[in-house]
Amino acid sequence: MAKQKNSRAVIKNVINKHTKKDKKEISQLTIKIDKKLDNALVILSNQINISKNRLIEDILYESGILEEVDENYIG
């Protein structure tokens, strides 16, 4: 199982990241989620002015579930 940080800290880090820095373009991320969680993500993503998919990706990255990779990686 992936290492996870304190959940409030993860959300706080994602919010801080998107309220203080420029945005970069990314590919879309698609996953199935519960409707209540979807509504919460929509509200939060609108408040910090990023896409819901980007918000989900950043939460997964901050929690240690995803690892960011170099997009120019050849292997």
C-alpha atoms as a PDB file:
ATOM      1  CA  MET A   1       0.000   0.000   0.000  1.00  0.00           C
ATOM      2  CA  ALA A   2       1.256   3.500  -0.788  1.00  0.00           C
ATOM      3  CA  LYS A   3       2.516   5.810   1.930  1.00  0.00           C
ATOM      4  CA  GLN A   4      -0.020   8.468   2.790  1.00  0.00           C
ATOM      5  CA  LYS A   5       0.464  11.818   4.508  1.00  0.00           C
ATOM      6  CA  ASN A   6      -2.056  13.466   6.782  1.00  0.00           C
ATOM      7  CA  SER A   7      -5.129  13.950   4.564  1.00  0.00           C
ATOM      8  CA  ARG A   8      -5.715  17.580   5.620  1.00  0.00           C
ATOM      9  CA  ALA A   9      -2.108  18.422   4.823  1.00  0.00           C
ATOM     10  CA  VAL A  10      -2.455  16.840   1.363  1.00  0.00           C
ATOM     11  CA  ILE A  11      -5.489  18.973   0.501  1.00  0.00           C
ATOM     12  CA  LYS A  12      -3.840  22.072   1.988  1.00  0.00           C
ATOM     13  CA  ASN A  13      -0.669  21.507  -0.084  1.00  0.00           C
ATOM     14  CA  VAL A  14      -2.693  21.113  -3.298  1.00  0.00           C
ATOM     15  CA  ILE A  15      -4.665  24.287  -2.593  1.00  0.00           C
ATOM     16  CA  ASN A  16      -1.499  26.247  -1.793  1.00  0.00           C
ATOM     17  CA  LYS A  17       0.216  24.938  -4.912  1.00  0.00           C
ATOM     18  CA  HIS A  18      -2.579  26.160  -7.177  1.00  0.00           C
ATOM     19  CA  THR A  19      -3.210  29.486  -5.535  1.00  0.00           C
ATOM     20  CA  LYS A  20       0.427  30.603  -5.696  1.00  0.00           C
ATOM     21  CA  LYS A  21       1.941  29.172  -8.902  1.00  0.00           C
ATOM     22  CA  ASP A  22       1.402  29.239 -12.640  1.00  0.00           C
ATOM     23  CA  LYS A  23      -0.461  26.333 -14.173  1.00  0.00           C
ATOM     24  CA  LYS A  24       1.094  23.815 -16.579  1.00  0.00           C
ATOM     25  CA  GLU A  25      -0.804  21.765 -19.139  1.00  0.00           C
ATOM     26  CA  ILE A  26      -1.297  18.066 -18.473  1.00  0.00           C
ATOM     27  CA  SER A  27      -3.170  15.120 -19.929  1.00  0.00           C
ATOM     28  CA  GLN A  28      -6.612  14.331 -18.572  1.00  0.00           C
ATOM     29  CA  LEU A  29      -7.049  11.752 -15.825  1.00  0.00           C
ATOM     30  CA  THR A  30     -10.230   9.644 -15.746  1.00  0.00           C
ATOM     31  CA  ILE A  31     -11.341   7.552 -12.758  1.00  0.00           C
ATOM     32  CA  LYS A  32     -14.654   6.384 -11.311  1.00  0.00           C
ATOM     33  CA  ILE A  33     -15.562   8.063  -8.009  1.00  0.00           C
ATOM     34  CA  ASP A  34     -18.530   8.346  -5.655  1.00  0.00           C
ATOM     35  CA  LYS A  35     -21.016  11.153  -6.478  1.00  0.00           C
ATOM     36  CA  LYS A  36     -20.528  12.862  -3.081  1.00  0.00           C
ATOM     37  CA  LEU A  37     -16.776  12.916  -3.593  1.00  0.00           C
ATOM     38  CA  ASP A  38     -17.282  14.207  -7.136  1.00  0.00           C
ATOM     39  CA  ASN A  39     -19.394  17.103  -5.862  1.00  0.00           C
ATOM     40  CA  ALA A  40     -16.793  17.986  -3.235  1.00  0.00           C
ATOM     41  CA  LEU A  41     -14.012  17.911  -5.849  1.00  0.00           C
ATOM     42  CA  VAL A  42     -16.017  20.128  -8.205  1.00  0.00           C
ATOM     43  CA  ILE A  43     -16.543  22.719  -5.471  1.00  0.00           C
ATOM     44  CA  LEU A  44     -12.880  22.676  -4.415  1.00  0.00           C
ATOM     45  CA  SER A  45     -11.541  22.768  -7.972  1.00  0.00           C
ATOM     46  CA  ASN A  46     -13.778  25.735  -8.788  1.00  0.00           C
ATOM     47  CA  GLN A  47     -12.590  27.569  -5.679  1.00  0.00           C
ATOM     48  CA  ILE A  48      -8.909  27.202  -6.575  1.00  0.00           C
ATOM     49  CA  ASN A  49      -9.495  27.564 -10.324  1.00  0.00           C
ATOM     50  CA  ILE A  50      -8.108  24.258 -11.609  1.00  0.00           C
ATOM     51  CA  SER A  51      -9.690  21.295 -13.382  1.00  0.00           C
ATOM     52  CA  LYS A  52     -11.172  18.490 -11.296  1.00  0.00           C
ATOM     53  CA  ASN A  53      -8.857  15.996 -12.979  1.00  0.00           C
ATOM     54  CA  ARG A  54      -5.798  18.087 -12.133  1.00  0.00           C
ATOM     55  CA  LEU A  55      -6.996  18.337  -8.540  1.00  0.00           C
ATOM     56  CA  ILE A  56      -7.357  14.545  -8.303  1.00  0.00           C
ATOM     57  CA  GLU A  57      -3.921  14.010  -9.841  1.00  0.00           C
ATOM     58  CA  ASP A  58      -2.322  16.447  -7.403  1.00  0.00           C
ATOM     59  CA  ILE A  59      -4.042  14.850  -4.406  1.00  0.00           C
ATOM     60  CA  LEU A  60      -2.778  11.425  -5.507  1.00  0.00           C
ATOM     61  CA  TYR A  61       0.722  12.809  -6.060  1.00  0.00           C
ATOM     62  CA  GLU A  62       0.834  14.653  -2.703  1.00  0.00           C
ATOM     63  CA  SER A  63      -0.382  11.555  -0.859  1.00  0.00           C
ATOM     64  CA  GLY A  64       2.412   9.441  -2.368  1.00  0.00           C
ATOM     65  CA  ILE A  65       0.121   7.214  -4.446  1.00  0.00           C
ATOM     66  CA  LEU A  66       1.374   8.569  -7.778  1.00  0.00           C
ATOM     67  CA  GLU A  67       4.940   9.401  -8.669  1.00  0.00           C
ATOM     68  CA  GLU A  68       5.559  12.225 -11.107  1.00  0.00           C
ATOM     69  CA  VAL A  69       7.638  11.135 -14.089  1.00  0.00           C
ATOM     70  CA  ASP A  70       9.566  13.112 -16.664  1.00  0.00           C
ATOM     71  CA  GLU A  71       7.409  13.384 -19.774  1.00  0.00           C
ATOM     72  CA  ASN A  72      10.506  13.055 -21.979  1.00  0.00           C
ATOM     73  CA  TYR A  73      11.467   9.718 -20.429  1.00  0.00           C
ATOM     74  CA  ILE A  74      12.409   7.039 -22.980  1.00  0.00           C
ATOM     75  CA  GLY A  75      12.876   3.544 -21.709  1.00  0.00           C
END
